[in-house]
Amino acid sequence: QVQLHESGPGLVKPAQTLSLKCAVSGVSITTGAYMWAWIRQPPGKGLEWMGVIGYDGSTYYSPSLKSRTSISRDTSKNQFSRELTSVTTEDTAVYYCVGQWAYWGQGNQATVYS
């Protein structure tokens, strides 16, 4: 059974970096053809795809967030991470890590407050 679990701070201040980790169990993140994504949902809005890291470590980012987002992985811990720099209140959202577009974490509420 594939399970994903996000972890990270719930509150950050403007201009800070929001870092989240996603621990994966049930499958190796290096399993062929698997893609591991970050998706967010701001309050009252729809889902927004942020970026993805592939089983081979390749990364792809949403053009609107590319300048502020980086996704990395730690294969020894079977987890992948995402950093979002220079946050504003517009970055307040529930952040999800998603595996192979089918397995979702429980979501991590991150609020940017001043």
C-alpha atoms as a PDB file:
ATOM      1  CA  GLN A   1       0.000   0.000   0.000  1.00  0.00           C
ATOM      2  CA  VAL A   2       1.481   3.307  -1.094  1.00  0.00           C
ATOM      3  CA  GLN A   3       1.270   6.049   1.489  1.00  0.00           C
ATOM      4  CA  LEU A   4       2.538   9.626   1.499  1.00  0.00           C
ATOM      5  CA  HIS A   5       2.888  11.905   4.477  1.00  0.00           C
ATOM      6  CA  GLU A   6       3.722  15.605   4.376  1.00  0.00           C
ATOM      7  CA  SER A   7       5.511  17.412   7.152  1.00  0.00           C
ATOM      8  CA  GLY A   8       6.509  21.011   7.592  1.00  0.00           C
ATOM      9  CA  PRO A   9       5.749  24.245   9.393  1.00  0.00           C
ATOM     10  CA  GLY A  10       2.207  25.445   9.665  1.00  0.00           C
ATOM     11  CA  LEU A  11       3.083  29.128   9.937  1.00  0.00           C
ATOM     12  CA  VAL A  12       5.695  31.173   8.086  1.00  0.00           C
ATOM     13  CA  LYS A  13       6.301  34.887   7.728  1.00  0.00           C
ATOM     14  CA  PRO A  14       6.352  36.811   4.454  1.00  0.00           C
ATOM     15  CA  ALA A  15       9.642  36.643   2.537  1.00  0.00           C
ATOM     16  CA  GLN A  16      10.616  33.422   4.291  1.00  0.00           C
ATOM     17  CA  THR A  17      11.090  30.035   2.654  1.00  0.00           C
ATOM     18  CA  LEU A  18       8.432  27.381   3.069  1.00  0.00           C
ATOM     19  CA  SER A  19       9.955  23.911   3.123  1.00  0.00           C
ATOM     20  CA  LEU A  20       7.912  20.719   3.103  1.00  0.00           C
ATOM     21  CA  LYS A  21       8.913  17.090   3.088  1.00  0.00           C
ATOM     22  CA  CYS A  22       6.982  14.087   1.854  1.00  0.00           C
ATOM     23  CA  ALA A  23       7.778  10.661   3.260  1.00  0.00           C
ATOM     24  CA  VAL A  24       6.791   7.791   1.003  1.00  0.00           C
ATOM     25  CA  SER A  25       6.131   4.211   2.043  1.00  0.00           C
ATOM     26  CA  GLY A  26       5.043   1.175   0.111  1.00  0.00           C
ATOM     27  CA  VAL A  27       7.095   1.951  -2.991  1.00  0.00           C
ATOM     28  CA  SER A  28      10.528   3.293  -3.725  1.00  0.00           C
ATOM     29  CA  ILE A  29      10.596   6.796  -5.165  1.00  0.00           C
ATOM     30  CA  THR A  30      13.102   5.486  -7.714  1.00  0.00           C
ATOM     31  CA  THR A  31      10.609   2.971  -9.091  1.00  0.00           C
ATOM     32  CA  GLY A  32      10.577   3.280 -12.833  1.00  0.00           C
ATOM     33  CA  ALA A  33       8.113   5.716 -14.412  1.00  0.00           C
ATOM     34  CA  TYR A  34       6.827   7.015 -11.085  1.00  0.00           C
ATOM     35  CA  MET A  35       6.334  10.751 -10.767  1.00  0.00           C
ATOM     36  CA  TRP A  36       6.141  12.614  -7.465  1.00  0.00           C
ATOM     37  CA  ALA A  37       4.336  15.928  -7.415  1.00  0.00           C
ATOM     38  CA  TRP A  38       3.468  18.872  -5.227  1.00  0.00           C
ATOM     39  CA  ILE A  39      -0.009  20.350  -5.534  1.00  0.00           C
ATOM     40  CA  ARG A  40      -1.583  23.088  -3.479  1.00  0.00           C
ATOM     41  CA  GLN A  41      -5.039  24.472  -2.860  1.00  0.00           C
ATOM     42  CA  PRO A  42      -5.400  28.055  -1.627  1.00  0.00           C
ATOM     43  CA  PRO A  43      -8.513  28.789   0.431  1.00  0.00           C
ATOM     44  CA  GLY A  44     -11.580  29.064  -1.775  1.00  0.00           C
ATOM     45  CA  LYS A  45      -9.645  28.163  -4.919  1.00  0.00           C
ATOM     46  CA  GLY A  46      -8.930  25.107  -7.000  1.00  0.00           C
ATOM     47  CA  LEU A  47      -5.950  22.806  -7.079  1.00  0.00           C
ATOM     48  CA  GLU A  48      -2.695  24.204  -8.444  1.00  0.00           C
ATOM     49  CA  TRP A  49       0.099  21.999  -9.707  1.00  0.00           C
ATOM     50  CA  MET A  50       3.481  23.244  -8.518  1.00  0.00           C
ATOM     51  CA  GLY A  51       6.003  20.811  -9.857  1.00  0.00           C
ATOM     52  CA  VAL A  52       7.135  17.211 -10.085  1.00  0.00           C
ATOM     53  CA  ILE A  53      10.225  15.098  -9.639  1.00  0.00           C
ATOM     54  CA  GLY A  54      10.586  11.907 -11.565  1.00  0.00           C
ATOM     55  CA  TYR A  55      11.906   8.511 -10.548  1.00  0.00           C
ATOM     56  CA  ASP A  56      15.188   9.487 -12.192  1.00  0.00           C
ATOM     57  CA  GLY A  57      15.462  12.809 -10.360  1.00  0.00           C
ATOM     58  CA  SER A  58      14.349  14.963 -13.258  1.00  0.00           C
ATOM     59  CA  THR A  59      12.262  17.966 -12.281  1.00  0.00           C
ATOM     60  CA  TYR A  60       9.575  20.034 -13.947  1.00  0.00           C
ATOM     61  CA  TYR A  61       7.953  23.147 -12.546  1.00  0.00           C
ATOM     62  CA  SER A  62       4.883  25.240 -13.084  1.00  0.00           C
ATOM     63  CA  PRO A  63       5.972  28.278 -15.113  1.00  0.00           C
ATOM     64  CA  SER A  64       4.241  30.603 -12.679  1.00  0.00           C
ATOM     65  CA  LEU A  65       6.198  29.231  -9.721  1.00  0.00           C
ATOM     66  CA  LYS A  66       9.424  28.111 -11.363  1.00  0.00           C
ATOM     67  CA  SER A  67      11.474  31.045 -10.122  1.00  0.00           C
ATOM     68  CA  ARG A  68      10.550  30.345  -6.488  1.00  0.00           C
ATOM     69  CA  THR A  69      10.206  26.563  -6.332  1.00  0.00           C
ATOM     70  CA  SER A  70      12.697  23.753  -6.093  1.00  0.00           C
ATOM     71  CA  ILE A  71      11.994  20.058  -5.617  1.00  0.00           C
ATOM     72  CA  SER A  72      14.589  17.581  -4.445  1.00  0.00           C
ATOM     73  CA  ARG A  73      14.741  14.064  -3.082  1.00  0.00           C
ATOM     74  CA  ASP A  74      16.573  11.921  -0.568  1.00  0.00           C
ATOM     75  CA  THR A  75      16.555   8.380  -1.852  1.00  0.00           C
ATOM     76  CA  SER A  76      18.131   7.054   1.354  1.00  0.00           C
ATOM     77  CA  LYS A  77      15.050   8.227   3.259  1.00  0.00           C
ATOM     78  CA  ASN A  78      12.599   7.571   0.425  1.00  0.00           C
ATOM     79  CA  GLN A  79      11.305  11.091   0.607  1.00  0.00           C
ATOM     80  CA  PHE A  80      11.088  14.174  -1.558  1.00  0.00           C
ATOM     81  CA  SER A  81      10.956  17.798  -0.589  1.00  0.00           C
ATOM     82  CA  ARG A  82       9.842  21.141  -1.897  1.00  0.00           C
ATOM     83  CA  GLU A  83      11.042  24.647  -1.109  1.00  0.00           C
ATOM     84  CA  LEU A  84       9.084  27.773  -1.936  1.00  0.00           C
ATOM     85  CA  THR A  85      11.016  30.990  -1.469  1.00  0.00           C
ATOM     86  CA  SER A  86       9.915  34.577  -0.859  1.00  0.00           C
ATOM     87  CA  VAL A  87       6.456  33.581   0.290  1.00  0.00           C
ATOM     88  CA  THR A  88       3.548  36.005   0.484  1.00  0.00           C
ATOM     89  CA  THR A  89       0.062  35.678   1.878  1.00  0.00           C
ATOM     90  CA  GLU A  90      -0.950  34.412  -1.581  1.00  0.00           C
ATOM     91  CA  ASP A  91       1.015  31.250  -0.799  1.00  0.00           C
ATOM     92  CA  THR A  92      -1.301  30.339   2.072  1.00  0.00           C
ATOM     93  CA  ALA A  93      -2.711  26.962   1.082  1.00  0.00           C
ATOM     94  CA  VAL A  94      -3.044  23.304   1.837  1.00  0.00           C
ATOM     95  CA  TYR A  95      -0.043  21.595   0.272  1.00  0.00           C
ATOM     96  CA  TYR A  96      -0.265  18.017  -0.941  1.00  0.00           C
ATOM     97  CA  CYS A  97       2.356  15.604  -2.115  1.00  0.00           C
ATOM     98  CA  VAL A  98       1.084  13.179  -4.716  1.00  0.00           C
ATOM     99  CA  GLY A  99       2.541   9.970  -6.072  1.00  0.00           C
ATOM    100  CA  GLN A 100       1.927   8.815  -9.620  1.00  0.00           C
ATOM    101  CA  TRP A 101      -1.114  11.129  -9.718  1.00  0.00           C
ATOM    102  CA  ALA A 102      -3.043   8.587  -7.650  1.00  0.00           C
ATOM    103  CA  TYR A 103      -1.657   8.526  -4.122  1.00  0.00           C
ATOM    104  CA  TRP A 104      -2.205  11.647  -2.037  1.00  0.00           C
ATOM    105  CA  GLY A 105      -0.836  12.732   1.291  1.00  0.00           C
ATOM    106  CA  GLN A 106      -3.170  14.058   3.927  1.00  0.00           C
ATOM    107  CA  GLY A 107      -2.262  17.654   3.183  1.00  0.00           C
ATOM    108  CA  ASN A 108      -0.281  20.211   5.148  1.00  0.00           C
ATOM    109  CA  GLN A 109      -1.879  23.552   5.930  1.00  0.00           C
ATOM    110  CA  ALA A 110       0.666  26.345   5.567  1.00  0.00           C
ATOM    111  CA  THR A 111      -0.289  29.889   6.485  1.00  0.00           C
ATOM    112  CA  VAL A 112       1.784  32.964   5.658  1.00  0.00           C
ATOM    113  CA  TYR A 113       1.158  35.645   8.236  1.00  0.00           C
ATOM    114  CA  SER A 114       2.663  38.998   9.030  1.00  0.00           C
END
